[in-house]
Amino acid sequence: MRDTPRPRPTQDLDSVEEIAEMVRRFYADVAMDDLLGPVFEDVAEVDWSEHLPKLTAFWARALIGEPGYAGNPFRSHAEIHARAPFTPPHFRRWLTLFHETIELGWVGPRADRARELADAVARVHSEQLVGEAVAIDHPVTTPTSR
């Protein structure tokens, strides 16, 4: 999916700037994805200039305790689901892309926490919206396994 090889990650998600870069890379892939792109572009009609800062604030609060996020992610997803229902493959693809983004860009305890949180978000939202707790099989990566 990515055209240019990236160097082995050495940085953790330990600053707002790193988190913003993770969000930017991840959602660039999401927007270009054949399954997820149309949901964001055609159904949700996302204004990326507005949405990316909100997503950065969400992840910055979750990973480094940065204040500033206000919102209800589940409610937003439920509104989109009401217009064009999500399916388990939507959640699996989102989670796969998220894990790929982290694996290619970051390493450390906060990167591990980001993966865990993404797993939990996908599991809970998919169970509540489509009746199936979605997960993906992925290797557990630790700093010693790199």
Protein backbone atom coordinates (compact mmCIF):
# COMPACT_ATOMS: atom_id res chain seq x y z
CA MET A 1 0.00 0.00 0.00
CA ARG A 2 2.84 2.42 0.73
CA ASP A 3 5.11 3.29 -2.19
CA THR A 4 8.24 4.37 -0.37
CA PRO A 5 9.98 2.30 2.28
CA ARG A 6 10.20 3.93 5.67
CA PRO A 7 13.10 3.55 8.08
CA ARG A 8 12.69 1.32 11.12
CA PRO A 9 10.81 3.29 13.77
CA THR A 10 12.73 4.59 16.77
CA GLN A 11 10.29 7.20 18.08
CA ASP A 12 7.36 6.65 20.42
CA LEU A 13 4.09 8.58 20.31
CA ASP A 14 5.27 10.86 23.11
CA SER A 15 4.38 14.30 21.79
CA VAL A 16 1.46 16.04 20.16
CA GLU A 17 3.59 16.41 17.03
CA GLU A 18 4.27 12.67 16.78
CA ILE A 19 0.61 11.89 17.41
CA ALA A 20 -0.46 14.40 14.75
CA GLU A 21 1.91 12.73 12.27
CA MET A 22 0.49 9.29 13.12
CA VAL A 23 -3.05 10.58 12.63
CA ARG A 24 -2.09 12.23 9.33
CA ARG A 25 -0.44 9.09 7.95
CA PHE A 26 -3.21 6.79 9.12
CA TYR A 27 -6.08 8.84 7.75
CA ALA A 28 -4.27 9.47 4.47
CA ASP A 29 -4.33 5.68 4.04
CA VAL A 30 -7.96 5.49 5.19
CA ALA A 31 -9.04 8.16 2.71
CA MET A 32 -7.38 6.26 -0.15
CA ASP A 33 -8.72 2.85 0.90
CA ASP A 34 -11.30 1.26 -1.42
CA LEU A 35 -13.52 0.12 1.47
CA LEU A 36 -13.13 2.96 3.96
CA GLY A 37 -12.51 5.94 1.71
CA PRO A 38 -16.09 6.14 0.44
CA VAL A 39 -17.46 6.07 3.99
CA PHE A 40 -15.36 9.08 4.95
CA GLU A 41 -15.64 10.96 1.67
CA ASP A 42 -19.17 10.17 0.43
CA VAL A 43 -21.19 9.26 3.53
CA ALA A 44 -19.58 11.29 6.31
CA GLU A 45 -18.35 13.98 3.90
CA VAL A 46 -15.41 14.60 6.19
CA ASP A 47 -13.69 17.96 6.09
CA TRP A 48 -10.17 16.74 6.80
CA SER A 49 -8.95 20.19 7.82
CA GLU A 50 -11.47 20.05 10.69
CA HIS A 51 -11.41 16.33 11.40
CA LEU A 52 -7.65 15.71 11.69
CA PRO A 53 -7.18 18.16 14.60
CA LYS A 54 -10.09 16.51 16.46
CA LEU A 55 -8.58 13.08 15.90
CA THR A 56 -5.19 14.34 17.02
CA ALA A 57 -6.77 15.77 20.17
CA PHE A 58 -8.50 12.43 20.88
CA TRP A 59 -5.29 10.44 20.57
CA ALA A 60 -3.21 13.06 22.43
CA ARG A 61 -5.60 12.91 25.36
CA ALA A 62 -5.62 9.11 25.35
CA LEU A 63 -1.86 8.65 24.98
CA ILE A 64 -0.22 11.56 26.77
CA GLY A 65 -3.03 13.12 28.80
CA GLU A 66 -3.11 16.29 26.72
CA PRO A 67 -6.27 18.32 27.48
CA GLY A 68 -8.44 19.62 24.68
CA TYR A 69 -10.52 16.78 23.29
CA ALA A 70 -14.28 17.14 23.58
CA GLY A 71 -16.56 14.81 21.74
CA ASN A 72 -18.44 11.55 21.65
CA PRO A 73 -16.82 9.22 19.12
CA PHE A 74 -19.51 6.57 19.46
CA ARG A 75 -22.33 9.00 18.75
CA SER A 76 -20.54 10.25 15.63
CA HIS A 77 -20.07 6.69 14.36
CA ALA A 78 -23.69 5.78 15.17
CA GLU A 79 -24.90 8.73 13.06
CA ILE A 80 -22.83 7.55 10.08
CA HIS A 81 -23.96 3.95 10.64
CA ALA A 82 -27.60 5.12 10.46
CA ARG A 83 -26.94 6.57 6.99
CA ALA A 84 -24.87 3.70 5.58
CA PRO A 85 -24.45 0.70 7.88
CA PHE A 86 -20.99 -0.38 8.84
CA THR A 87 -20.06 -4.04 8.45
CA PRO A 88 -17.45 -6.13 10.27
CA PRO A 89 -15.05 -5.75 7.29
CA HIS A 90 -15.14 -1.95 7.78
CA PHE A 91 -13.91 -2.32 11.35
CA ARG A 92 -11.34 -4.97 10.47
CA ARG A 93 -9.90 -2.84 7.68
CA TRP A 94 -9.74 0.26 9.92
CA LEU A 95 -7.92 -1.74 12.56
CA THR A 96 -5.53 -3.34 10.07
CA LEU A 97 -4.58 0.05 8.63
CA PHE A 98 -4.11 1.46 12.11
CA HIS A 99 -1.78 -1.34 13.14
CA GLU A 100 0.18 -1.01 9.89
CA THR A 101 0.61 2.72 10.48
CA ILE A 102 1.92 2.21 14.00
CA GLU A 103 4.22 -0.66 12.98
CA LEU A 104 5.79 1.41 10.22
CA GLY A 105 6.22 4.56 12.24
CA TRP A 106 6.47 4.17 15.99
CA VAL A 107 7.74 1.91 18.74
CA GLY A 108 7.45 2.07 22.51
CA PRO A 109 4.92 1.93 25.30
CA ARG A 110 2.69 4.65 23.89
CA ALA A 111 2.68 3.03 20.45
CA ASP A 112 1.70 -0.21 22.18
CA ARG A 113 -1.04 1.67 24.06
CA ALA A 114 -2.31 3.18 20.80
CA ARG A 115 -2.69 -0.32 19.33
CA GLU A 116 -4.48 -1.55 22.45
CA LEU A 117 -6.84 1.41 22.44
CA ALA A 118 -7.58 1.01 18.72
CA ASP A 119 -8.35 -2.66 19.34
CA ALA A 120 -10.75 -1.70 22.14
CA VAL A 121 -12.45 1.03 20.10
CA ALA A 122 -12.98 -1.30 17.13
CA ARG A 123 -14.22 -4.12 19.37
CA VAL A 124 -16.70 -1.98 21.33
CA HIS A 125 -18.00 0.08 18.40
CA SER A 126 -18.41 -2.96 16.17
CA GLU A 127 -20.21 -4.89 18.88
CA GLN A 128 -22.57 -2.01 19.57
CA LEU A 129 -23.20 -1.10 15.94
CA VAL A 130 -23.09 -4.41 14.03
CA GLY A 131 -23.46 -6.97 16.80
CA GLU A 132 -19.99 -8.47 16.36
CA ALA A 133 -16.93 -7.67 18.44
CA VAL A 134 -14.33 -7.31 15.71
CA ALA A 135 -10.66 -8.02 16.21
CA ILE A 136 -7.72 -8.78 13.96
CA ASP A 137 -4.91 -11.22 14.38
CA HIS A 138 -1.68 -9.33 14.70
CA PRO A 139 1.68 -10.19 16.15
CA VAL A 140 2.55 -8.74 19.49
CA THR A 141 5.49 -6.46 18.91
CA THR A 142 7.82 -5.56 21.72
CA PRO A 143 10.99 -3.52 21.57
CA THR A 144 13.01 -6.74 22.03
CA SER A 145 11.36 -8.38 19.02
CA ARG A 146 12.57 -5.73 16.60
